[in-house]
Amino acid sequence: MLVEIRAEGRVSERRIDLARGLTYEDLFDRLKINPETVVALFEGHPVPNDELVMPGGVEIVRIVSAG
């Protein structure tokens, strides 16, 4: 399965080939990203980390909080 990743709206994109049945948490692990610091968007909508990755474009957005 081919997944196209665009991180934080940057021009740099990355295409990776993933086995079917992986979750977004698995994707973050493969990309060495802490899942507590980002949210995945599929077709512009946030997806839970335990949901299966679907073929297509994924955007990864860093979560920023201020206290």
C-alpha atoms as a PDB file:
ATOM      1  CA  MET A   1       0.000   0.000   0.000  1.00  0.00           C
ATOM      2  CA  LEU A   2       1.404   3.397  -0.966  1.00  0.00           C
ATOM      3  CA  VAL A   3       0.982   6.303   1.438  1.00  0.00           C
ATOM      4  CA  GLU A   4       1.963   9.882   0.622  1.00  0.00           C
ATOM      5  CA  ILE A   5       2.903  11.952   3.656  1.00  0.00           C
ATOM      6  CA  ARG A   6       2.971  15.726   3.879  1.00  0.00           C
ATOM      7  CA  ALA A   7       4.275  16.988   7.211  1.00  0.00           C
ATOM      8  CA  GLU A   8       2.964  20.256   8.627  1.00  0.00           C
ATOM      9  CA  GLY A   9       1.934  21.614   5.250  1.00  0.00           C
ATOM     10  CA  ARG A  10       5.509  21.764   4.004  1.00  0.00           C
ATOM     11  CA  VAL A  11       6.376  21.213   0.399  1.00  0.00           C
ATOM     12  CA  SER A  12       8.538  18.226   1.317  1.00  0.00           C
ATOM     13  CA  GLU A  13       6.530  15.079   0.785  1.00  0.00           C
ATOM     14  CA  ARG A  14       7.474  11.502   1.350  1.00  0.00           C
ATOM     15  CA  ARG A  15       6.056   8.363  -0.202  1.00  0.00           C
ATOM     16  CA  ILE A  16       6.406   5.117   1.683  1.00  0.00           C
ATOM     17  CA  ASP A  17       5.193   1.635   0.995  1.00  0.00           C
ATOM     18  CA  LEU A  18       3.352   0.120   3.976  1.00  0.00           C
ATOM     19  CA  ALA A  19       1.934  -3.310   4.573  1.00  0.00           C
ATOM     20  CA  ARG A  20      -1.837  -3.419   4.944  1.00  0.00           C
ATOM     21  CA  GLY A  21      -3.202  -3.671   8.462  1.00  0.00           C
ATOM     22  CA  LEU A  22      -0.945  -1.025  10.040  1.00  0.00           C
ATOM     23  CA  THR A  23      -2.312   1.729  12.251  1.00  0.00           C
ATOM     24  CA  TYR A  24      -1.349   5.391  12.296  1.00  0.00           C
ATOM     25  CA  GLU A  25       0.573   4.662  15.497  1.00  0.00           C
ATOM     26  CA  ASP A  26       2.587   2.070  13.528  1.00  0.00           C
ATOM     27  CA  LEU A  27       3.186   4.716  10.852  1.00  0.00           C
ATOM     28  CA  PHE A  28       4.459   7.198  13.447  1.00  0.00           C
ATOM     29  CA  ASP A  29       6.738   4.510  14.886  1.00  0.00           C
ATOM     30  CA  ARG A  30       8.158   3.779  11.444  1.00  0.00           C
ATOM     31  CA  LEU A  31       8.768   7.502  10.886  1.00  0.00           C
ATOM     32  CA  LYS A  32      10.251   7.845  14.403  1.00  0.00           C
ATOM     33  CA  ILE A  33       7.613  10.395  15.443  1.00  0.00           C
ATOM     34  CA  ASN A  34       6.237  10.577  18.975  1.00  0.00           C
ATOM     35  CA  PRO A  35       2.470  10.006  18.511  1.00  0.00           C
ATOM     36  CA  GLU A  36       1.720  12.264  21.497  1.00  0.00           C
ATOM     37  CA  THR A  37       3.084  15.284  19.612  1.00  0.00           C
ATOM     38  CA  VAL A  38       1.196  14.987  16.304  1.00  0.00           C
ATOM     39  CA  VAL A  39      -2.181  14.315  14.735  1.00  0.00           C
ATOM     40  CA  ALA A  40      -2.749  12.571  11.416  1.00  0.00           C
ATOM     41  CA  LEU A  41      -5.202  13.988   8.901  1.00  0.00           C
ATOM     42  CA  PHE A  42      -6.691  11.836   6.153  1.00  0.00           C
ATOM     43  CA  GLU A  43      -8.567  13.775   3.488  1.00  0.00           C
ATOM     44  CA  GLY A  44      -8.447  16.786   5.820  1.00  0.00           C
ATOM     45  CA  HIS A  45     -10.043  15.015   8.787  1.00  0.00           C
ATOM     46  CA  PRO A  46      -8.264  13.913  11.990  1.00  0.00           C
ATOM     47  CA  VAL A  47      -7.989  10.169  12.489  1.00  0.00           C
ATOM     48  CA  PRO A  48      -7.438   8.193  15.711  1.00  0.00           C
ATOM     49  CA  ASN A  49      -3.967   6.697  16.132  1.00  0.00           C
ATOM     50  CA  ASP A  50      -5.431   3.195  16.407  1.00  0.00           C
ATOM     51  CA  GLU A  51      -7.265   3.436  13.058  1.00  0.00           C
ATOM     52  CA  LEU A  52      -5.883   1.525  10.075  1.00  0.00           C
ATOM     53  CA  VAL A  53      -3.898   3.543   7.550  1.00  0.00           C
ATOM     54  CA  MET A  54      -5.683   3.828   4.210  1.00  0.00           C
ATOM     55  CA  PRO A  55      -3.921   4.268   0.859  1.00  0.00           C
ATOM     56  CA  GLY A  56      -3.611   7.867  -0.224  1.00  0.00           C
ATOM     57  CA  GLY A  57      -2.465  11.132   1.269  1.00  0.00           C
ATOM     58  CA  VAL A  58      -1.817  11.649   4.955  1.00  0.00           C
ATOM     59  CA  GLU A  59      -0.900  14.960   6.514  1.00  0.00           C
ATOM     60  CA  ILE A  60       0.918  14.949   9.849  1.00  0.00           C
ATOM     61  CA  VAL A  61       0.448  18.086  11.937  1.00  0.00           C
ATOM     62  CA  ARG A  62       2.500  18.867  15.035  1.00  0.00           C
ATOM     63  CA  ILE A  63       0.394  19.696  18.089  1.00  0.00           C
ATOM     64  CA  VAL A  64       1.332  22.950  19.809  1.00  0.00           C
ATOM     65  CA  SER A  65       0.019  23.905  23.218  1.00  0.00           C
ATOM     66  CA  ALA A  66       0.751  26.754  25.535  1.00  0.00           C
ATOM     67  CA  GLY A  67      -0.099  26.955  29.147  1.00  0.00           C
END
